[in-house]
Amino acid sequence: MIASDSDALMVRARETLRARFRFDDFLPGQSAPLAAILAGRDTLAVMPTGSGKSLLYQLPAVMDEGLEPGLAVVVSPLIALMRDQLRALAGRGIAAAALHSMQDDDEARAAIASLVASHARGQARLLYLAPERLAQPSTQELLRKNRIKLFAVDEAHCVSHWGHDFRPDYLALREIAAGLGAPVLAVTATAGPRTRAEIARLLFPRPPEIFLSSFARPNLSLRFARRRPGLRQIAGFIGRRGDSGVIYVNSRRMADALATGLARQGFDALPYHAGLDAWTRGAHQDAFFARRGVAMVATIAFGMGVDKPDVRFVLHVDPPLSVENYYQEIGRAGRDGAPARALTLFTPEELARRWRPPDRPIPEPVVAAEDARRQAMAALCVAPGCRFQALLQSFGEESAPCGMCDHCRGPLRWLRRAGTLVQSWRVAARSRLFVQDAAEAIEATDCVAESFTAYAPGAPAIAEPPLRVDDARLLQALKNERRAVARRLGIAPRQVATDVQLRRLAIERPRRPDDPLLAEMTAPEAFLRILSASL
């Protein structure tokens, strides 16, 4: 981009904001990174969910006055995210295109044709791509035929979290961006100091300007509690107010059982996971957005791109794998600014398995980062002070007590804080006992799911057909890898992947790293390596 006077550019940017996006003014935190982008400087913007990150690349893409015309390339991790943004842009009359693996030949040809059309015929201003598609030489050749005025990476924390093994094409983005010669923009809502440093190192050809917005969510109250058997605790939190919300679980079995149990108690609860067929997933997602009071019981397959403004609660039946995942998932509540609440349930046993003993050998850097994220999430569950203050400290932000969480409100708050402090000591002490093989550890996933099976409809077991010889060999290799991952992370094997998931991997052998079956697993990159070796 070639910038003239920066003040004049921002005036034009506000005019474009009103004319094309129909907003009166920028949201807090948008102006400063947008000014850097319009001036042609590499930029990393870390902004909380709902703060308008996508505008940082959408507005420059359609802003012609004062800038040279060209195409904005947007790297996005999920096809669902691309489709959501294309729908929103179409509603504003902004031409955009996407290239991804779910398109048929005609759709791909139409997308490519829109890149070379004249402005009068609706030339695409933005092109959405997955990193795997961008890495193809034919795609890069196509881009070189266009003038690229901005190279944007959405959900940029994926560069750090997925780039090392699971989706290695993320690590090629830095070289591709340098070859295109365009300014680079990275946006994310979930990046602590470690992740920000990795994004800057792995993605940018030059050191970027970094803009951090506050992670505080004054309308969101946080609560953590020890998980109790059965449905009473969960049903009590949801209440009978007719609120919409998301309940996150760590297995498909648990999603089905919990949704059925809640439905039998009169709640409008629906399961969502990658094991459901596409029609059912779509119908349940449509119901969640269309009906008031739907509780979506979901695995992480119901993840990035959930943009329903009136979600009033988020409940984690199991703690997420990292503080960054936790922040992103609770961020789906209260996006309209009205009060919302989040509850995370845990057992001391599962926290102890995540808590790395001090005498444990330090593994390689990537594994050390995974370890640190899990330990940080376990520590957050038993942090004795203000919950949101502890959460913000994980992102390098200092704050006063929130006044909203379970440690800040109510006459028993000091008693709850003292109880949490004692619990943290017990978890730290118990973690030293979990030195046995993870394969022999208590499998919390099955224990929790079993407590809901009394509410699930009975069904006769369906005999699985026998595996072919090569599928059976692959399944054994996948189980061996699961055991190694579980031992490395100090968790039970079935918390890495279930037998049913591994059997499906052996039969279907997915090759795409964004396949929903892989995305639901812990350390999916390990299984992707085994699958690739089976070719």
Protein backbone atom coordinates (compact mmCIF):
# COMPACT_ATOMS: atom_id res chain seq x y z
CA MET A 1 0.00 0.00 0.00
CA ILE A 2 1.17 3.52 -0.76
CA ALA A 3 -0.06 5.89 1.94
CA SER A 4 -0.42 9.68 1.74
CA ASP A 5 -1.05 11.75 4.84
CA SER A 6 -2.10 9.36 7.65
CA ASP A 7 -4.76 11.69 9.05
CA ALA A 8 -6.34 12.07 5.62
CA LEU A 9 -6.27 8.28 5.19
CA MET A 10 -8.09 7.77 8.48
CA VAL A 11 -10.72 10.32 7.46
CA ARG A 12 -11.29 8.34 4.26
CA ALA A 13 -11.28 5.12 6.27
CA ARG A 14 -14.13 6.45 8.44
CA GLU A 15 -16.05 7.44 5.32
CA THR A 16 -15.62 3.91 3.97
CA LEU A 17 -16.65 2.50 7.34
CA ARG A 18 -19.95 4.39 7.20
CA ALA A 19 -20.63 3.89 3.49
CA ARG A 20 -19.67 0.23 3.04
CA PHE A 21 -19.98 -1.29 6.53
CA ARG A 22 -22.72 0.99 7.94
CA PHE A 23 -20.95 1.63 11.25
CA ASP A 24 -20.85 5.11 12.79
CA ASP A 25 -17.29 4.87 14.13
CA PHE A 26 -14.52 2.46 14.96
CA LEU A 27 -14.69 0.28 18.04
CA PRO A 28 -12.10 0.80 20.79
CA GLY A 29 -8.77 -0.66 19.73
CA GLN A 30 -9.43 -0.63 15.97
CA SER A 31 -8.05 2.80 14.95
CA ALA A 32 -4.38 2.39 15.92
CA PRO A 33 -3.68 -0.93 14.14
CA LEU A 34 -5.74 0.18 11.14
CA ALA A 35 -3.63 3.34 10.80
CA ALA A 36 -0.46 1.19 10.81
CA ILE A 37 -1.91 -1.12 8.15
CA LEU A 38 -2.96 1.77 5.91
CA ALA A 39 0.56 3.18 6.26
CA GLY A 40 1.94 -0.12 4.93
CA ARG A 41 3.51 -1.38 8.17
CA ASP A 42 3.54 -5.01 9.28
CA THR A 43 1.08 -5.38 12.15
CA LEU A 44 0.13 -7.90 14.82
CA ALA A 45 -3.20 -7.05 16.48
CA VAL A 46 -4.31 -9.00 19.55
CA MET A 47 -7.91 -8.04 20.24
CA PRO A 48 -10.59 -9.82 22.30
CA THR A 49 -13.48 -11.70 20.75
CA GLY A 50 -16.16 -9.35 19.45
CA SER A 51 -13.85 -6.35 19.05
CA GLY A 52 -13.95 -6.27 15.23
CA LYS A 53 -10.67 -7.88 14.16
CA SER A 54 -11.92 -8.81 10.69
CA LEU A 55 -12.52 -5.14 9.86
CA LEU A 56 -8.75 -4.59 9.99
CA TYR A 57 -8.33 -6.42 6.69
CA GLN A 58 -11.79 -6.03 5.19
CA LEU A 59 -11.83 -2.24 5.22
CA PRO A 60 -8.41 -1.74 3.54
CA ALA A 61 -9.48 -4.28 0.92
CA VAL A 62 -12.40 -2.11 -0.24
CA MET A 63 -10.80 1.28 0.39
CA ASP A 64 -9.52 2.63 -2.94
CA GLU A 65 -9.17 6.38 -2.45
CA GLY A 66 -5.66 7.20 -1.30
CA LEU A 67 -4.48 3.65 -1.88
CA GLU A 68 -3.46 1.63 -4.89
CA PRO A 69 -6.07 -0.95 -5.95
CA GLY A 70 -5.31 -4.59 -5.34
CA LEU A 71 -6.33 -7.81 -3.64
CA ALA A 72 -6.27 -8.65 0.06
CA VAL A 73 -5.28 -12.27 0.71
CA VAL A 74 -6.72 -13.69 3.95
CA VAL A 75 -5.35 -16.95 5.39
CA SER A 76 -8.08 -18.62 7.46
CA PRO A 77 -7.86 -21.96 9.33
CA LEU A 78 -11.40 -23.25 8.80
CA ILE A 79 -13.73 -23.45 5.82
CA ALA A 80 -16.69 -22.58 8.08
CA LEU A 81 -15.00 -19.30 8.99
CA MET A 82 -14.46 -18.46 5.32
CA ARG A 83 -18.09 -19.16 4.48
CA ASP A 84 -19.37 -17.03 7.37
CA GLN A 85 -17.27 -14.06 6.31
CA LEU A 86 -18.22 -14.45 2.63
CA ARG A 87 -21.91 -14.37 3.60
CA ALA A 88 -21.42 -11.24 5.70
CA LEU A 89 -19.46 -9.48 2.94
CA ALA A 90 -22.07 -10.40 0.32
CA GLY A 91 -24.70 -8.78 2.53
CA ARG A 92 -22.71 -5.55 2.34
CA GLY A 93 -22.26 -5.77 -1.42
CA ILE A 94 -18.51 -6.50 -1.16
CA ALA A 95 -17.14 -8.98 -3.70
CA ALA A 96 -14.98 -11.71 -2.14
CA ALA A 97 -13.90 -15.23 -3.06
CA ALA A 98 -12.48 -18.32 -1.41
CA LEU A 99 -10.47 -21.32 -2.55
CA HIS A 100 -10.75 -24.43 -0.41
CA SER A 101 -11.00 -28.22 -0.56
CA MET A 102 -14.80 -28.43 -0.27
CA GLN A 103 -15.43 -26.64 -3.58
CA ASP A 104 -16.33 -28.45 -6.77
CA ASP A 105 -14.54 -27.58 -10.02
CA ASP A 106 -17.17 -25.04 -11.12
CA GLU A 107 -17.01 -23.17 -7.80
CA ALA A 108 -13.21 -23.06 -7.93
CA ARG A 109 -13.25 -21.78 -11.52
CA ALA A 110 -15.77 -19.07 -10.59
CA ALA A 111 -13.59 -17.96 -7.67
CA ILE A 112 -10.51 -17.76 -9.89
CA ALA A 113 -12.46 -15.87 -12.58
CA SER A 114 -13.52 -13.26 -9.98
CA LEU A 115 -9.86 -12.45 -9.34
CA VAL A 116 -9.26 -11.30 -12.90
CA ALA A 117 -12.63 -9.65 -13.59
CA SER A 118 -12.84 -5.90 -14.05
CA HIS A 119 -14.19 -3.74 -11.22
CA ALA A 120 -17.37 -3.19 -13.22
CA ARG A 121 -17.97 -6.95 -13.25
CA GLY A 122 -17.40 -7.33 -9.54
CA GLN A 123 -13.74 -8.16 -9.07
CA ALA A 124 -13.09 -9.87 -5.75
CA ARG A 125 -11.49 -7.56 -3.21
CA LEU A 126 -10.63 -10.35 -0.75
CA LEU A 127 -9.49 -13.91 -1.33
CA TYR A 128 -9.79 -16.41 1.54
CA LEU A 129 -7.46 -19.42 1.59
CA ALA A 130 -6.34 -22.18 3.91
CA PRO A 131 -2.55 -22.37 4.38
CA GLU A 132 -2.48 -25.74 2.58
CA ARG A 133 -4.10 -24.23 -0.54
CA LEU A 134 -1.83 -21.20 -0.40
CA ALA A 135 1.24 -23.45 -0.29
CA GLN A 136 0.39 -24.94 -3.70
CA PRO A 137 2.59 -23.53 -6.51
CA SER A 138 -0.44 -23.02 -8.77
CA THR A 139 -2.08 -20.79 -6.14
CA GLN A 140 1.04 -18.71 -5.68
CA GLU A 141 1.32 -18.31 -9.46
CA LEU A 142 -2.29 -17.10 -9.53
CA LEU A 143 -1.56 -14.54 -6.83
CA ARG A 144 1.50 -13.24 -8.65
CA LYS A 145 -0.81 -12.28 -11.54
CA ASN A 146 -2.67 -9.96 -9.17
CA ARG A 147 -1.41 -7.01 -7.18
CA ILE A 148 -1.54 -8.08 -3.55
CA LYS A 149 -1.97 -5.06 -1.30
CA LEU A 150 -2.37 -6.91 2.02
CA PHE A 151 -1.48 -10.37 3.32
CA ALA A 152 -3.63 -11.12 6.38
CA VAL A 153 -3.61 -14.14 8.70
CA ASP A 154 -6.81 -14.60 10.69
CA GLU A 155 -6.76 -16.60 13.95
CA ALA A 156 -2.99 -16.13 13.91
CA HIS A 157 -2.45 -18.12 17.11
CA CYS A 158 -2.78 -21.19 14.87
CA VAL A 159 0.70 -20.35 13.53
CA SER A 160 2.07 -21.10 16.98
CA HIS A 161 -0.32 -23.83 18.12
CA TRP A 162 -0.62 -25.82 14.88
CA GLY A 163 2.36 -24.83 12.76
CA HIS A 164 5.03 -27.08 14.20
CA ASP A 165 3.52 -30.46 13.29
CA PHE A 166 -0.24 -30.53 12.78
CA ARG A 167 -0.43 -28.04 9.90
CA PRO A 168 3.18 -27.45 8.82
CA ASP A 169 2.12 -25.25 5.88
CA TYR A 170 1.58 -22.50 8.45
CA LEU A 171 5.37 -22.32 8.72
CA ALA A 172 5.61 -21.52 4.99
CA LEU A 173 3.52 -18.34 5.33
CA ARG A 174 6.50 -16.16 6.23
CA GLU A 175 8.36 -17.02 3.03
CA ILE A 176 5.19 -16.71 0.91
CA ALA A 177 4.40 -13.30 2.40
CA ALA A 178 7.93 -12.09 1.72
CA GLY A 179 7.64 -13.27 -1.90
CA LEU A 180 4.37 -11.39 -2.44
CA GLY A 181 5.90 -8.20 -1.06
CA ALA A 182 2.72 -7.00 0.65
CA PRO A 183 2.36 -5.69 4.19
CA VAL A 184 1.52 -8.49 6.64
CA LEU A 185 -1.31 -8.35 9.17
CA ALA A 186 -1.93 -10.99 11.83
CA VAL A 187 -5.03 -10.88 14.05
CA THR A 188 -6.04 -13.08 16.96
CA ALA A 189 -8.03 -12.93 20.16
CA THR A 190 -5.96 -15.46 22.08
CA ALA A 191 -2.24 -14.85 22.32
CA GLY A 192 -0.30 -14.62 25.54
CA PRO A 193 3.31 -13.39 25.64
CA ARG A 194 4.77 -16.77 24.54
CA THR A 195 2.36 -17.09 21.61
CA ARG A 196 2.84 -13.46 20.52
CA ALA A 197 6.59 -13.97 20.40
CA GLU A 198 6.16 -17.13 18.31
CA ILE A 199 3.76 -15.41 15.88
CA ALA A 200 6.20 -12.53 15.39
CA ARG A 201 9.10 -14.94 14.82
CA LEU A 202 7.35 -17.47 12.58
CA LEU A 203 5.12 -15.26 10.45
CA PHE A 204 6.63 -11.84 9.83
CA PRO A 205 9.53 -11.14 7.44
CA ARG A 206 10.19 -7.99 9.50
CA PRO A 207 9.49 -7.23 13.19
CA PRO A 208 5.83 -6.14 13.34
CA GLU A 209 4.18 -3.37 15.26
CA ILE A 210 2.22 -5.08 18.03
CA PHE A 211 -1.11 -3.70 19.24
CA LEU A 212 -2.67 -5.17 22.37
CA SER A 213 -6.22 -4.41 23.40
CA SER A 214 -7.39 -5.15 26.91
CA PHE A 215 -8.53 -8.72 27.47
CA ALA A 216 -10.95 -7.60 30.18
CA ARG A 217 -14.62 -8.55 29.81
CA PRO A 218 -16.47 -6.58 32.50
CA ASN A 219 -19.82 -8.19 31.61
CA LEU A 220 -18.56 -11.76 32.06
CA SER A 221 -18.54 -13.46 35.48
CA LEU A 222 -16.24 -16.46 35.95
CA ARG A 223 -16.66 -19.42 38.24
CA PHE A 224 -14.69 -22.65 38.77
CA ALA A 225 -15.95 -25.62 40.76
CA ARG A 226 -15.21 -29.25 41.52
CA ARG A 227 -17.30 -31.48 39.26
CA ARG A 228 -20.04 -33.55 40.88
CA PRO A 229 -21.60 -36.73 39.41
CA GLY A 230 -24.88 -36.54 37.53
CA LEU A 231 -26.79 -33.64 36.03
CA ARG A 232 -27.89 -31.61 39.03
CA GLN A 233 -24.85 -29.31 39.09
CA ILE A 234 -25.03 -28.67 35.33
CA ALA A 235 -28.81 -28.18 35.24
CA GLY A 236 -28.60 -25.82 38.21
CA PHE A 237 -26.07 -23.62 36.42
CA ILE A 238 -28.09 -23.48 33.18
CA GLY A 239 -31.25 -22.59 35.12
CA ARG A 240 -34.72 -22.13 33.69
CA ARG A 241 -34.30 -18.64 32.25
CA GLY A 242 -34.48 -19.69 28.61
CA ASP A 243 -30.90 -18.55 27.97
CA SER A 244 -28.83 -19.75 25.04
CA GLY A 245 -25.45 -21.20 25.83
CA VAL A 246 -22.65 -23.61 24.95
CA ILE A 247 -21.62 -26.62 27.06
CA TYR A 248 -18.16 -27.90 26.11
CA VAL A 249 -17.22 -31.55 26.71
CA ASN A 250 -14.16 -33.52 25.69
CA SER A 251 -15.77 -36.51 23.95
CA ARG A 252 -18.57 -37.29 21.52
CA ARG A 253 -19.97 -39.90 23.84
CA MET A 254 -20.31 -37.33 26.60
CA ALA A 255 -21.91 -34.80 24.21
CA ASP A 256 -24.60 -37.28 23.19
CA ALA A 257 -25.27 -38.53 26.72
CA LEU A 258 -25.37 -35.08 28.32
CA ALA A 259 -27.59 -33.58 25.62
CA THR A 260 -30.02 -36.49 25.99
CA GLY A 261 -30.04 -36.23 29.78
CA LEU A 262 -30.71 -32.48 29.71
CA ALA A 263 -33.42 -32.88 27.07
CA ARG A 264 -35.18 -35.42 29.31
CA GLN A 265 -35.20 -32.80 32.06
CA GLY A 266 -36.93 -30.31 29.78
CA PHE A 267 -33.97 -28.34 28.41
CA ASP A 268 -33.65 -27.54 24.71
CA ALA A 269 -30.28 -29.28 24.46
CA LEU A 270 -28.64 -30.49 21.24
CA PRO A 271 -25.34 -32.33 20.65
CA TYR A 272 -22.71 -31.11 18.19
CA HIS A 273 -19.58 -33.03 17.24
CA ALA A 274 -17.74 -34.33 14.18
CA GLY A 275 -19.29 -37.79 14.55
CA LEU A 276 -22.69 -36.46 13.50
CA ASP A 277 -23.50 -36.34 9.80
CA ALA A 278 -23.24 -32.97 8.06
CA TRP A 279 -27.03 -32.55 7.81
CA THR A 280 -27.53 -33.07 11.56
CA ARG A 281 -24.66 -30.74 12.47
CA GLY A 282 -26.09 -28.07 10.17
CA ALA A 283 -29.62 -28.47 11.56
CA HIS A 284 -28.39 -28.22 15.16
CA GLN A 285 -26.28 -25.16 14.38
CA ASP A 286 -29.21 -23.49 12.62
CA ALA A 287 -31.42 -24.21 15.65
CA PHE A 288 -28.83 -22.69 17.97
CA PHE A 289 -28.80 -19.46 16.01
CA ALA A 290 -32.55 -19.33 15.31
CA ARG A 291 -34.14 -20.45 18.61
CA ARG A 292 -33.95 -18.81 22.00
CA GLY A 293 -32.80 -20.98 24.88
CA VAL A 294 -30.84 -23.68 23.02
CA ALA A 295 -27.99 -25.29 24.99
CA MET A 296 -25.45 -26.65 22.49
CA VAL A 297 -23.55 -29.56 24.04
CA ALA A 298 -20.42 -29.63 21.93
CA THR A 299 -16.87 -30.77 21.48
CA ILE A 300 -14.34 -28.29 20.15
CA ALA A 301 -15.79 -29.02 16.69
CA PHE A 302 -18.20 -26.18 17.61
CA GLY A 303 -15.40 -23.68 17.76
CA MET A 304 -14.01 -20.68 15.95
CA GLY A 305 -16.53 -18.55 14.11
CA VAL A 306 -19.43 -18.95 16.55
CA ASP A 307 -20.89 -15.44 16.44
CA LYS A 308 -24.23 -15.38 18.26
CA PRO A 309 -24.47 -12.13 20.24
CA ASP A 310 -26.92 -13.27 22.95
CA VAL A 311 -25.10 -16.35 24.30
CA ARG A 312 -25.61 -15.99 28.03
CA PHE A 313 -23.48 -18.82 29.38
CA VAL A 314 -20.54 -21.10 28.57
CA LEU A 315 -20.01 -24.22 30.65
CA HIS A 316 -16.91 -26.41 30.48
CA VAL A 317 -17.61 -29.89 31.84
CA ASP A 318 -13.85 -30.49 31.46
CA PRO A 319 -11.13 -27.83 31.65
CA PRO A 320 -9.86 -26.75 28.20
CA LEU A 321 -6.36 -27.69 27.10
CA SER A 322 -4.95 -24.17 27.55
CA VAL A 323 -5.76 -20.76 29.00
CA GLU A 324 -5.89 -19.39 25.45
CA ASN A 325 -8.49 -21.99 24.43
CA TYR A 326 -10.43 -21.17 27.59
CA TYR A 327 -10.45 -17.44 26.89
CA GLN A 328 -11.53 -17.96 23.30
CA GLU A 329 -14.37 -20.30 24.29
CA ILE A 330 -15.78 -18.18 27.14
CA GLY A 331 -15.51 -15.23 24.74
CA ARG A 332 -18.52 -16.63 22.87
CA ALA A 333 -20.72 -15.49 25.76
CA GLY A 334 -21.96 -11.94 26.16
CA ARG A 335 -20.84 -10.54 22.83
CA ASP A 336 -23.81 -8.16 22.97
CA GLY A 337 -22.35 -6.53 26.11
CA ALA A 338 -25.09 -7.81 28.42
CA PRO A 339 -24.18 -9.86 31.53
CA ALA A 340 -23.01 -13.42 30.85
CA ARG A 341 -21.50 -16.20 32.93
CA ALA A 342 -18.95 -18.97 32.59
CA LEU A 343 -18.45 -22.06 34.73
CA THR A 344 -15.57 -24.54 34.48
CA LEU A 345 -15.79 -27.91 36.22
CA PHE A 346 -12.83 -30.08 37.15
CA THR A 347 -11.67 -32.89 39.41
CA PRO A 348 -8.45 -32.69 41.45
CA GLU A 349 -7.25 -35.89 39.75
CA GLU A 350 -7.33 -34.45 36.24
CA LEU A 351 -5.68 -31.21 37.37
CA ALA A 352 -2.93 -33.20 39.09
CA ARG A 353 -2.22 -35.11 35.88
CA ARG A 354 -1.74 -31.80 34.06
CA TRP A 355 0.49 -30.33 36.77
CA ARG A 356 4.08 -31.10 35.77
CA PRO A 357 6.15 -32.35 38.72
CA PRO A 358 9.28 -30.22 39.27
CA ASP A 359 11.62 -33.21 38.77
CA ARG A 360 10.10 -34.14 35.40
CA PRO A 361 12.63 -34.07 32.53
CA ILE A 362 12.30 -31.05 30.25
CA PRO A 363 11.18 -32.27 26.81
CA GLU A 364 11.79 -30.69 23.42
CA PRO A 365 10.57 -27.06 22.97
CA VAL A 366 7.27 -27.85 21.22
CA VAL A 367 6.29 -30.38 23.87
CA ALA A 368 7.44 -27.98 26.60
CA ALA A 369 5.06 -25.36 25.21
CA GLU A 370 2.17 -27.86 25.26
CA ASP A 371 3.07 -28.83 28.81
CA ALA A 372 3.21 -25.20 29.94
CA ARG A 373 -0.22 -24.46 28.46
CA ARG A 374 -1.84 -27.41 30.22
CA GLN A 375 -0.18 -26.59 33.51
CA ALA A 376 -1.27 -22.93 33.25
CA MET A 377 -4.89 -24.01 32.75
CA ALA A 378 -4.71 -26.32 35.77
CA ALA A 379 -3.25 -23.50 37.85
CA LEU A 380 -6.04 -21.14 36.74
CA CYS A 381 -8.67 -23.59 37.98
CA VAL A 382 -7.29 -23.37 41.53
CA ALA A 383 -6.05 -19.77 41.57
CA PRO A 384 -7.08 -18.42 44.99
CA GLY A 385 -7.46 -14.75 43.98
CA CYS A 386 -9.77 -12.95 41.56
CA ARG A 387 -10.47 -15.29 38.65
CA PHE A 388 -10.34 -12.65 35.93
CA GLN A 389 -7.26 -11.02 37.42
CA ALA A 390 -5.46 -14.38 37.23
CA LEU A 391 -6.71 -14.91 33.67
CA LEU A 392 -5.50 -11.49 32.53
CA GLN A 393 -2.10 -12.08 34.12
CA SER A 394 -1.74 -15.10 31.82
CA PHE A 395 -1.92 -12.66 28.90
CA GLY A 396 0.53 -10.22 30.48
CA GLU A 397 -2.13 -7.71 31.56
CA GLU A 398 -2.38 -6.27 35.06
CA SER A 399 -5.79 -5.36 36.43
CA ALA A 400 -7.78 -4.68 39.56
CA PRO A 401 -10.12 -7.39 40.90
CA CYS A 402 -13.10 -7.85 38.59
CA GLY A 403 -15.80 -7.74 41.26
CA MET A 404 -17.83 -10.28 39.28
CA CYS A 405 -16.31 -13.75 39.79
CA ASP A 406 -17.02 -16.32 42.51
CA HIS A 407 -13.94 -15.11 44.45
CA CYS A 408 -15.04 -11.47 44.37
CA ARG A 409 -18.77 -11.64 45.15
CA GLY A 410 -20.90 -12.81 48.04
CA PRO A 411 -20.47 -13.00 51.81
CA LEU A 412 -18.62 -16.34 51.55
CA ARG A 413 -16.01 -15.16 49.03
CA TRP A 414 -13.12 -15.26 51.53
CA LEU A 415 -14.09 -18.74 52.61
CA ARG A 416 -14.18 -19.84 48.95
CA ARG A 417 -10.75 -18.29 48.38
CA ALA A 418 -9.31 -20.15 51.36
CA GLY A 419 -10.85 -23.40 50.15
CA THR A 420 -9.36 -22.90 46.68
CA LEU A 421 -5.92 -22.21 48.16
CA VAL A 422 -6.04 -25.48 50.10
CA GLN A 423 -7.21 -27.25 46.96
CA SER A 424 -4.26 -25.85 44.98
CA TRP A 425 -1.83 -27.26 47.58
CA ARG A 426 -3.51 -30.65 47.35
CA VAL A 427 -3.39 -30.67 43.55
CA ALA A 428 0.32 -29.75 43.57
CA ALA A 429 1.06 -32.48 46.09
CA ARG A 430 -1.04 -35.07 44.27
CA SER A 431 0.70 -34.30 40.97
CA ARG A 432 3.86 -35.87 42.37
CA LEU A 433 2.01 -39.17 42.71
CA PHE A 434 1.11 -39.31 39.02
CA VAL A 435 4.42 -40.71 37.86
CA GLN A 436 3.02 -44.05 36.74
CA ASP A 437 2.34 -44.81 33.10
CA ALA A 438 -0.53 -42.68 31.83
CA ALA A 439 -2.12 -45.84 30.46
CA GLU A 440 -2.82 -46.87 34.07
CA ALA A 441 -4.23 -43.49 35.12
CA ILE A 442 -7.87 -42.97 36.02
CA GLU A 443 -9.76 -42.14 32.84
CA ALA A 444 -11.85 -39.15 33.81
CA THR A 445 -13.59 -38.99 30.44
CA ASP A 446 -15.27 -42.38 30.90
CA CYS A 447 -16.13 -41.68 34.53
CA VAL A 448 -17.98 -38.47 33.66
CA ALA A 449 -19.70 -39.84 30.59
CA GLU A 450 -20.85 -42.87 32.59
CA SER A 451 -22.69 -40.58 35.02
CA PHE A 452 -24.91 -39.40 32.17
CA THR A 453 -25.66 -42.78 30.57
CA ALA A 454 -28.63 -43.33 32.85
CA TYR A 455 -30.30 -40.47 31.00
CA ALA A 456 -29.37 -41.66 27.53
CA PRO A 457 -31.75 -43.88 25.54
CA GLY A 458 -30.89 -47.54 25.53
CA ALA A 459 -29.82 -48.98 22.18
CA PRO A 460 -28.57 -52.40 21.19
CA ALA A 461 -24.86 -52.57 20.48
CA ILE A 462 -24.00 -52.67 16.81
CA ALA A 463 -21.31 -55.15 15.88
CA GLU A 464 -18.41 -53.51 14.10
CA PRO A 465 -17.32 -55.21 10.86
CA PRO A 466 -13.86 -56.78 11.00
CA LEU A 467 -10.94 -54.65 9.81
CA ARG A 468 -8.84 -55.45 6.79
CA VAL A 469 -5.31 -56.58 7.57
CA ASP A 470 -3.68 -53.26 6.63
CA ASP A 471 -6.34 -51.28 8.56
CA ALA A 472 -5.75 -53.46 11.64
CA ARG A 473 -1.99 -52.83 11.42
CA LEU A 474 -2.60 -49.09 11.09
CA LEU A 475 -4.95 -49.16 14.09
CA GLN A 476 -2.26 -50.79 16.21
CA ALA A 477 0.25 -48.16 15.12
CA LEU A 478 -2.24 -45.43 16.06
CA LYS A 479 -2.80 -47.01 19.48
CA ASN A 480 0.97 -47.18 20.07
CA GLU A 481 1.22 -43.49 19.19
CA ARG A 482 -1.70 -42.69 21.50
CA ARG A 483 0.10 -44.41 24.36
CA ALA A 484 3.29 -42.42 23.64
CA VAL A 485 1.37 -39.12 23.54
CA ALA A 486 -0.46 -39.95 26.78
CA ARG A 487 2.81 -40.81 28.54
CA ARG A 488 4.41 -37.60 27.26
CA LEU A 489 1.53 -35.39 28.40
CA GLY A 490 0.79 -37.23 31.62
CA ILE A 491 -2.85 -37.92 30.78
CA ALA A 492 -4.98 -41.01 30.20
CA PRO A 493 -4.87 -42.50 26.67
CA ARG A 494 -8.60 -42.06 26.11
CA GLN A 495 -8.19 -38.35 26.83
CA VAL A 496 -5.90 -38.26 23.80
CA ALA A 497 -8.27 -40.19 21.50
CA THR A 498 -10.92 -42.85 21.97
CA ASP A 499 -10.82 -46.35 20.47
CA VAL A 500 -13.75 -45.43 18.23
CA GLN A 501 -11.90 -42.36 16.91
CA LEU A 502 -8.76 -44.38 16.20
CA ARG A 503 -10.76 -47.06 14.41
CA ARG A 504 -12.31 -44.39 12.16
CA LEU A 505 -8.84 -42.98 11.47
CA ALA A 506 -7.61 -46.43 10.43
CA ILE A 507 -10.55 -46.95 8.07
CA GLU A 508 -11.06 -43.45 6.63
CA ARG A 509 -7.40 -42.32 6.76
CA PRO A 510 -8.05 -38.55 6.54
CA ARG A 511 -5.19 -36.59 4.99
CA ARG A 512 -6.37 -33.02 5.59
CA PRO A 513 -5.10 -31.54 8.87
CA ASP A 514 -8.36 -29.60 9.26
CA ASP A 515 -10.46 -32.78 9.12
CA PRO A 516 -12.98 -32.62 12.02
CA LEU A 517 -12.04 -36.11 13.17
CA LEU A 518 -8.44 -35.03 13.74
CA ALA A 519 -9.35 -31.62 15.13
CA GLU A 520 -11.20 -33.17 18.08
CA MET A 521 -8.14 -35.09 19.30
CA THR A 522 -5.34 -34.13 21.60
CA ALA A 523 -2.02 -33.80 19.70
CA PRO A 524 -3.59 -34.53 16.28
CA GLU A 525 -0.27 -33.90 14.55
CA ALA A 526 1.07 -37.18 15.97
CA PHE A 527 -1.71 -39.18 14.31
CA LEU A 528 -1.39 -37.24 11.07
CA ARG A 529 2.25 -38.35 10.85
CA ILE A 530 1.22 -42.00 11.26
CA LEU A 531 -1.50 -41.64 8.61
CA SER A 532 0.89 -39.97 6.18
CA ALA A 533 3.43 -42.78 6.65
CA SER A 534 0.75 -45.32 5.72
CA LEU A 535 0.46 -44.04 2.14
